[in-house]
């Protein structure tokens, strides 16, 4: 699975871009926020990536930061929400605004996003409201305890890719780190054991 791309930006359009990585051009789909954050064509670029595999295709979805990617993965857990709709939702408001709307049950804010009807907005709130509350609590706790190190961020990202929500992944990684796991592989292994317990 491709989780990260670093290369040269060859093309960019509002919904996608092409990145040259050692002579191979990767087509990556983006939210509008991701597109706006891209550098000029020809410049180096780095993106967090979610690889979406279906019977008939393999598509890459790119994000300029891990927070947008993590929220994209949360959206994919909602029944009826596929990658394209998840990108549309992320294009309609910032990560912070979307998390707040979900945590507060603000269906009106979600319906204001083009392509999101009342049924979809209600389903998003019902299925994600508690998770957004947990994530906000974990984020505020993280700020109080100090920012995560790069190795912790990589481990948290790995657990989120395995399907754990952000709050559970963050707590498991912090516990594993405080137990003395300093290398990424052992940190992920211990955090997985803790998160699954």
C-alpha atoms as a PDB file:
ATOM      1  CA  UNK A   1       0.000   0.000   0.000  1.00  0.00           C
ATOM      2  CA  UNK A   2       1.289   3.463  -0.868  1.00  0.00           C
ATOM      3  CA  UNK A   3       1.104   5.740   2.191  1.00  0.00           C
ATOM      4  CA  UNK A   4       3.453   8.573   1.193  1.00  0.00           C
ATOM      5  CA  UNK A   5       4.679  10.137  -2.045  1.00  0.00           C
ATOM      6  CA  UNK A   6       7.576  12.538  -2.468  1.00  0.00           C
ATOM      7  CA  UNK A   7       8.630  13.748  -5.888  1.00  0.00           C
ATOM      8  CA  UNK A   8       8.190  16.535  -8.423  1.00  0.00           C
ATOM      9  CA  UNK A   9       4.820  18.056  -9.252  1.00  0.00           C
ATOM     10  CA  UNK A  10       4.197  17.515 -12.979  1.00  0.00           C
ATOM     11  CA  UNK A  11       0.549  18.617 -13.324  1.00  0.00           C
ATOM     12  CA  UNK A  12      -2.112  20.018 -11.041  1.00  0.00           C
ATOM     13  CA  UNK A  13      -5.846  20.473 -11.441  1.00  0.00           C
ATOM     14  CA  UNK A  14      -8.495  21.330  -8.830  1.00  0.00           C
ATOM     15  CA  UNK A  15      -9.373  17.663  -8.211  1.00  0.00           C
ATOM     16  CA  UNK A  16      -6.079  15.885  -8.932  1.00  0.00           C
ATOM     17  CA  UNK A  17      -2.388  16.151  -9.606  1.00  0.00           C
ATOM     18  CA  UNK A  18       0.418  14.072 -11.107  1.00  0.00           C
ATOM     19  CA  UNK A  19       3.633  13.511  -9.169  1.00  0.00           C
ATOM     20  CA  UNK A  20       6.816  12.256 -10.836  1.00  0.00           C
ATOM     21  CA  UNK A  21       8.624   9.856  -8.507  1.00  0.00           C
ATOM     22  CA  UNK A  22      11.842   8.623 -10.154  1.00  0.00           C
ATOM     23  CA  UNK A  23      10.303   8.644 -13.633  1.00  0.00           C
ATOM     24  CA  UNK A  24       6.912   7.190 -12.662  1.00  0.00           C
ATOM     25  CA  UNK A  25       3.914   9.540 -12.774  1.00  0.00           C
ATOM     26  CA  UNK A  26       1.369   8.950 -10.003  1.00  0.00           C
ATOM     27  CA  UNK A  27      -2.137  10.367 -10.433  1.00  0.00           C
ATOM     28  CA  UNK A  28      -3.390  11.531  -7.040  1.00  0.00           C
ATOM     29  CA  UNK A  29      -6.895  12.801  -6.276  1.00  0.00           C
ATOM     30  CA  UNK A  30      -7.138  15.800  -3.913  1.00  0.00           C
ATOM     31  CA  UNK A  31      -9.580  17.931  -1.980  1.00  0.00           C
ATOM     32  CA  UNK A  32      -9.810  21.593  -2.922  1.00  0.00           C
ATOM     33  CA  UNK A  33      -7.778  22.460   0.188  1.00  0.00           C
ATOM     34  CA  UNK A  34      -5.086  20.017  -0.927  1.00  0.00           C
ATOM     35  CA  UNK A  35      -4.998  21.567  -4.383  1.00  0.00           C
ATOM     36  CA  UNK A  36      -4.651  25.089  -2.947  1.00  0.00           C
ATOM     37  CA  UNK A  37      -1.712  23.956  -0.793  1.00  0.00           C
ATOM     38  CA  UNK A  38       0.249  22.470  -3.711  1.00  0.00           C
ATOM     39  CA  UNK A  39       3.415  24.246  -4.863  1.00  0.00           C
ATOM     40  CA  UNK A  40       3.980  25.418  -8.436  1.00  0.00           C
ATOM     41  CA  UNK A  41       4.359  22.825 -11.206  1.00  0.00           C
ATOM     42  CA  UNK A  42       7.964  21.603 -11.308  1.00  0.00           C
ATOM     43  CA  UNK A  43       8.529  22.071  -7.572  1.00  0.00           C
ATOM     44  CA  UNK A  44       9.153  19.250  -5.083  1.00  0.00           C
ATOM     45  CA  UNK A  45       6.006  17.979  -3.364  1.00  0.00           C
ATOM     46  CA  UNK A  46       5.208  15.529  -0.571  1.00  0.00           C
ATOM     47  CA  UNK A  47       1.778  14.058   0.160  1.00  0.00           C
ATOM     48  CA  UNK A  48       0.266  11.659   2.670  1.00  0.00           C
ATOM     49  CA  UNK A  49      -1.580   9.075   0.587  1.00  0.00           C
ATOM     50  CA  UNK A  50      -4.483   6.682   1.023  1.00  0.00           C
ATOM     51  CA  UNK A  51      -4.477   3.806  -1.478  1.00  0.00           C
ATOM     52  CA  UNK A  52      -8.024   2.790  -2.374  1.00  0.00           C
ATOM     53  CA  UNK A  53      -8.291  -0.624  -4.035  1.00  0.00           C
ATOM     54  CA  UNK A  54     -11.416  -1.878  -5.809  1.00  0.00           C
ATOM     55  CA  UNK A  55     -11.996  -4.791  -8.165  1.00  0.00           C
ATOM     56  CA  UNK A  56     -11.504  -2.648 -11.237  1.00  0.00           C
ATOM     57  CA  UNK A  57      -9.150   0.103 -10.089  1.00  0.00           C
ATOM     58  CA  UNK A  58      -6.452   1.297  -7.736  1.00  0.00           C
ATOM     59  CA  UNK A  59      -6.679   4.993  -6.870  1.00  0.00           C
ATOM     60  CA  UNK A  60      -4.502   7.278  -4.764  1.00  0.00           C
ATOM     61  CA  UNK A  61      -5.939  10.058  -2.596  1.00  0.00           C
ATOM     62  CA  UNK A  62      -3.455  12.670  -1.395  1.00  0.00           C
ATOM     63  CA  UNK A  63      -3.360  15.020   1.578  1.00  0.00           C
ATOM     64  CA  UNK A  64      -0.927  17.764   2.519  1.00  0.00           C
ATOM     65  CA  UNK A  65      -1.227  16.921   6.218  1.00  0.00           C
ATOM     66  CA  UNK A  66      -2.005  13.883   8.327  1.00  0.00           C
ATOM     67  CA  UNK A  67      -5.043  15.534   9.964  1.00  0.00           C
ATOM     68  CA  UNK A  68      -6.910  15.772   6.652  1.00  0.00           C
ATOM     69  CA  UNK A  69      -5.969  12.199   5.762  1.00  0.00           C
ATOM     70  CA  UNK A  70      -7.127  10.913   9.159  1.00  0.00           C
ATOM     71  CA  UNK A  71     -10.484  12.672   8.808  1.00  0.00           C
ATOM     72  CA  UNK A  72     -10.834  11.283   5.264  1.00  0.00           C
ATOM     73  CA  UNK A  73     -10.384   7.769   6.694  1.00  0.00           C
ATOM     74  CA  UNK A  74     -13.008   8.471   9.374  1.00  0.00           C
ATOM     75  CA  UNK A  75     -15.453   9.594   6.664  1.00  0.00           C
ATOM     76  CA  UNK A  76     -14.884   6.353   4.738  1.00  0.00           C
ATOM     77  CA  UNK A  77     -16.173   4.397   7.761  1.00  0.00           C
ATOM     78  CA  UNK A  78     -19.616   5.993   7.313  1.00  0.00           C
ATOM     79  CA  UNK A  79     -21.986   3.809   5.317  1.00  0.00           C
ATOM     80  CA  UNK A  80     -22.685   5.247   1.877  1.00  0.00           C
ATOM     81  CA  UNK A  81     -19.605   7.516   1.883  1.00  0.00           C
ATOM     82  CA  UNK A  82     -16.975   6.613  -0.704  1.00  0.00           C
ATOM     83  CA  UNK A  83     -13.656   8.313  -1.459  1.00  0.00           C
ATOM     84  CA  UNK A  84     -15.110  10.820  -3.937  1.00  0.00           C
ATOM     85  CA  UNK A  85     -17.827  12.005  -1.558  1.00  0.00           C
ATOM     86  CA  UNK A  86     -15.297  12.131   1.299  1.00  0.00           C
ATOM     87  CA  UNK A  87     -13.096  14.448  -0.812  1.00  0.00           C
ATOM     88  CA  UNK A  88     -16.139  16.576  -1.691  1.00  0.00           C
ATOM     89  CA  UNK A  89     -16.930  16.933   2.015  1.00  0.00           C
ATOM     90  CA  UNK A  90     -13.320  17.861   2.812  1.00  0.00           C
ATOM     91  CA  UNK A  91     -13.393  20.406  -0.025  1.00  0.00           C
ATOM     92  CA  UNK A  92     -16.478  22.033   1.506  1.00  0.00           C
ATOM     93  CA  UNK A  93     -14.884  23.108   4.788  1.00  0.00           C
ATOM     94  CA  UNK A  94     -11.641  22.932   6.719  1.00  0.00           C
ATOM     95  CA  UNK A  95     -10.710  19.953   8.894  1.00  0.00           C
ATOM     96  CA  UNK A  96     -11.311  22.003  12.041  1.00  0.00           C
ATOM     97  CA  UNK A  97     -14.727  23.233  10.861  1.00  0.00           C
ATOM     98  CA  UNK A  98     -15.793  19.739   9.831  1.00  0.00           C
ATOM     99  CA  UNK A  99     -14.712  18.186  13.138  1.00  0.00           C
ATOM    100  CA  UNK A 100     -16.599  20.907  15.036  1.00  0.00           C
ATOM    101  CA  UNK A 101     -19.741  20.469  12.900  1.00  0.00           C
ATOM    102  CA  UNK A 102     -19.700  16.704  13.464  1.00  0.00           C
ATOM    103  CA  UNK A 103     -18.960  16.958  17.194  1.00  0.00           C
ATOM    104  CA  UNK A 104     -21.731  19.546  17.662  1.00  0.00           C
ATOM    105  CA  UNK A 105     -24.270  17.715  15.474  1.00  0.00           C
ATOM    106  CA  UNK A 106     -24.502  20.715  13.136  1.00  0.00           C
ATOM    107  CA  UNK A 107     -26.472  19.113  10.271  1.00  0.00           C
ATOM    108  CA  UNK A 108     -27.149  22.553   8.746  1.00  0.00           C
ATOM    109  CA  UNK A 109     -23.421  23.210   8.261  1.00  0.00           C
ATOM    110  CA  UNK A 110     -22.964  19.810   6.608  1.00  0.00           C
ATOM    111  CA  UNK A 111     -25.954  20.270   4.268  1.00  0.00           C
ATOM    112  CA  UNK A 112     -24.358  23.543   3.106  1.00  0.00           C
ATOM    113  CA  UNK A 113     -21.564  21.482   1.510  1.00  0.00           C
ATOM    114  CA  UNK A 114     -22.425  20.863  -2.178  1.00  0.00           C
ATOM    115  CA  UNK A 115     -23.292  17.193  -2.740  1.00  0.00           C
ATOM    116  CA  UNK A 116     -24.304  16.502   0.876  1.00  0.00           C
ATOM    117  CA  UNK A 117     -28.022  16.006   1.450  1.00  0.00           C
ATOM    118  CA  UNK A 118     -29.890  15.926   4.742  1.00  0.00           C
ATOM    119  CA  UNK A 119     -29.867  12.106   4.970  1.00  0.00           C
ATOM    120  CA  UNK A 120     -26.105  11.943   4.400  1.00  0.00           C
ATOM    121  CA  UNK A 121     -25.465  14.796   6.832  1.00  0.00           C
ATOM    122  CA  UNK A 122     -27.566  13.100   9.512  1.00  0.00           C
ATOM    123  CA  UNK A 123     -25.764   9.793   8.953  1.00  0.00           C
ATOM    124  CA  UNK A 124     -22.388  11.553   9.248  1.00  0.00           C
ATOM    125  CA  UNK A 125     -23.388  13.102  12.566  1.00  0.00           C
ATOM    126  CA  UNK A 126     -24.866   9.871  13.968  1.00  0.00           C
ATOM    127  CA  UNK A 127     -21.842   7.753  13.025  1.00  0.00           C
ATOM    128  CA  UNK A 128     -19.026  10.240  13.705  1.00  0.00           C
ATOM    129  CA  UNK A 129     -20.214  12.539  16.489  1.00  0.00           C
ATOM    130  CA  UNK A 130     -18.727  10.453  19.317  1.00  0.00           C
ATOM    131  CA  UNK A 131     -15.478   9.871  17.423  1.00  0.00           C
ATOM    132  CA  UNK A 132     -15.033  13.603  16.831  1.00  0.00           C
ATOM    133  CA  UNK A 133     -15.585  14.226  20.544  1.00  0.00           C
ATOM    134  CA  UNK A 134     -12.937  11.622  21.414  1.00  0.00           C
ATOM    135  CA  UNK A 135     -10.532  13.099  18.867  1.00  0.00           C
ATOM    136  CA  UNK A 136     -11.039  16.611  20.246  1.00  0.00           C
ATOM    137  CA  UNK A 137     -10.404  15.317  23.773  1.00  0.00           C
ATOM    138  CA  UNK A 138      -7.266  13.472  22.625  1.00  0.00           C
ATOM    139  CA  UNK A 139      -6.049  16.549  20.753  1.00  0.00           C
ATOM    140  CA  UNK A 140      -6.538  18.840  23.749  1.00  0.00           C
ATOM    141  CA  UNK A 141      -4.848  16.277  25.997  1.00  0.00           C
ATOM    142  CA  UNK A 142      -1.984  16.063  23.491  1.00  0.00           C
ATOM    143  CA  UNK A 143      -1.522  19.822  23.539  1.00  0.00           C
ATOM    144  CA  UNK A 144      -1.477  19.779  27.332  1.00  0.00           C
ATOM    145  CA  UNK A 145       1.072  16.968  27.404  1.00  0.00           C
ATOM    146  CA  UNK A 146       3.207  18.350  24.578  1.00  0.00           C
ATOM    147  CA  UNK A 147       3.245  17.671  20.847  1.00  0.00           C
ATOM    148  CA  UNK A 148       3.780  14.181  19.468  1.00  0.00           C
ATOM    149  CA  UNK A 149       7.247  13.360  18.204  1.00  0.00           C
ATOM    150  CA  UNK A 150       7.653  12.415  14.521  1.00  0.00           C
ATOM    151  CA  UNK A 151       8.012   8.726  15.446  1.00  0.00           C
ATOM    152  CA  UNK A 152       4.753   8.891  17.464  1.00  0.00           C
ATOM    153  CA  UNK A 153       2.958  10.586  14.547  1.00  0.00           C
ATOM    154  CA  UNK A 154       4.099   7.814  12.188  1.00  0.00           C
ATOM    155  CA  UNK A 155       2.937   5.130  14.622  1.00  0.00           C
ATOM    156  CA  UNK A 156      -0.434   6.854  15.143  1.00  0.00           C
ATOM    157  CA  UNK A 157      -0.835   7.130  11.366  1.00  0.00           C
ATOM    158  CA  UNK A 158      -0.103   3.405  10.997  1.00  0.00           C
ATOM    159  CA  UNK A 159      -2.770   2.481  13.564  1.00  0.00           C
ATOM    160  CA  UNK A 160      -5.336   4.764  11.907  1.00  0.00           C
ATOM    161  CA  UNK A 161      -4.557   3.029   8.589  1.00  0.00           C
ATOM    162  CA  UNK A 162      -5.270  -0.285  10.349  1.00  0.00           C
ATOM    163  CA  UNK A 163      -8.769   1.030  11.167  1.00  0.00           C
ATOM    164  CA  UNK A 164      -8.417   2.331  14.738  1.00  0.00           C
ATOM    165  CA  UNK A 165      -9.889   5.745  15.429  1.00  0.00           C
ATOM    166  CA  UNK A 166      -7.540   8.632  16.151  1.00  0.00           C
ATOM    167  CA  UNK A 167      -8.186   8.812  19.903  1.00  0.00           C
ATOM    168  CA  UNK A 168      -7.566   5.083  20.454  1.00  0.00           C
ATOM    169  CA  UNK A 169      -4.457   5.142  18.240  1.00  0.00           C
ATOM    170  CA  UNK A 170      -3.022   8.185  20.034  1.00  0.00           C
ATOM    171  CA  UNK A 171      -3.566   6.710  23.493  1.00  0.00           C
ATOM    172  CA  UNK A 172      -2.097   3.306  22.522  1.00  0.00           C
ATOM    173  CA  UNK A 173       1.008   4.880  20.968  1.00  0.00           C
ATOM    174  CA  UNK A 174       1.609   7.154  23.972  1.00  0.00           C
ATOM    175  CA  UNK A 175       1.295   4.175  26.350  1.00  0.00           C
ATOM    176  CA  UNK A 176       3.663   2.107  24.222  1.00  0.00           C
ATOM    177  CA  UNK A 177       6.159   4.978  24.039  1.00  0.00           C
ATOM    178  CA  UNK A 178       6.088   5.513  27.807  1.00  0.00           C
ATOM    179  CA  UNK A 179       6.802   1.768  28.196  1.00  0.00           C
ATOM    180  CA  UNK A 180      10.168   2.393  26.539  1.00  0.00           C
ATOM    181  CA  UNK A 181       9.525   1.536  22.887  1.00  0.00           C
ATOM    182  CA  UNK A 182      11.751   3.941  21.001  1.00  0.00           C
ATOM    183  CA  UNK A 183      12.000   2.299  17.552  1.00  0.00           C
ATOM    184  CA  UNK A 184       9.121   2.672  15.109  1.00  0.00           C
ATOM    185  CA  UNK A 185       8.558  -1.030  14.426  1.00  0.00           C
ATOM    186  CA  UNK A 186       8.429  -2.076  18.090  1.00  0.00           C
ATOM    187  CA  UNK A 187       6.352   1.001  18.932  1.00  0.00           C
ATOM    188  CA  UNK A 188       3.734   0.096  16.304  1.00  0.00           C
ATOM    189  CA  UNK A 189       3.700  -3.576  17.371  1.00  0.00           C
ATOM    190  CA  UNK A 190       3.173  -2.702  21.051  1.00  0.00           C
ATOM    191  CA  UNK A 191       0.614   0.020  20.251  1.00  0.00           C
ATOM    192  CA  UNK A 192      -1.363  -2.412  18.066  1.00  0.00           C
ATOM    193  CA  UNK A 193      -1.470  -4.911  20.924  1.00  0.00           C
ATOM    194  CA  UNK A 194      -2.665  -2.217  23.316  1.00  0.00           C
ATOM    195  CA  UNK A 195      -5.278  -0.782  20.912  1.00  0.00           C
ATOM    196  CA  UNK A 196      -6.732  -4.222  20.192  1.00  0.00           C
ATOM    197  CA  UNK A 197      -6.967  -5.173  23.871  1.00  0.00           C
END
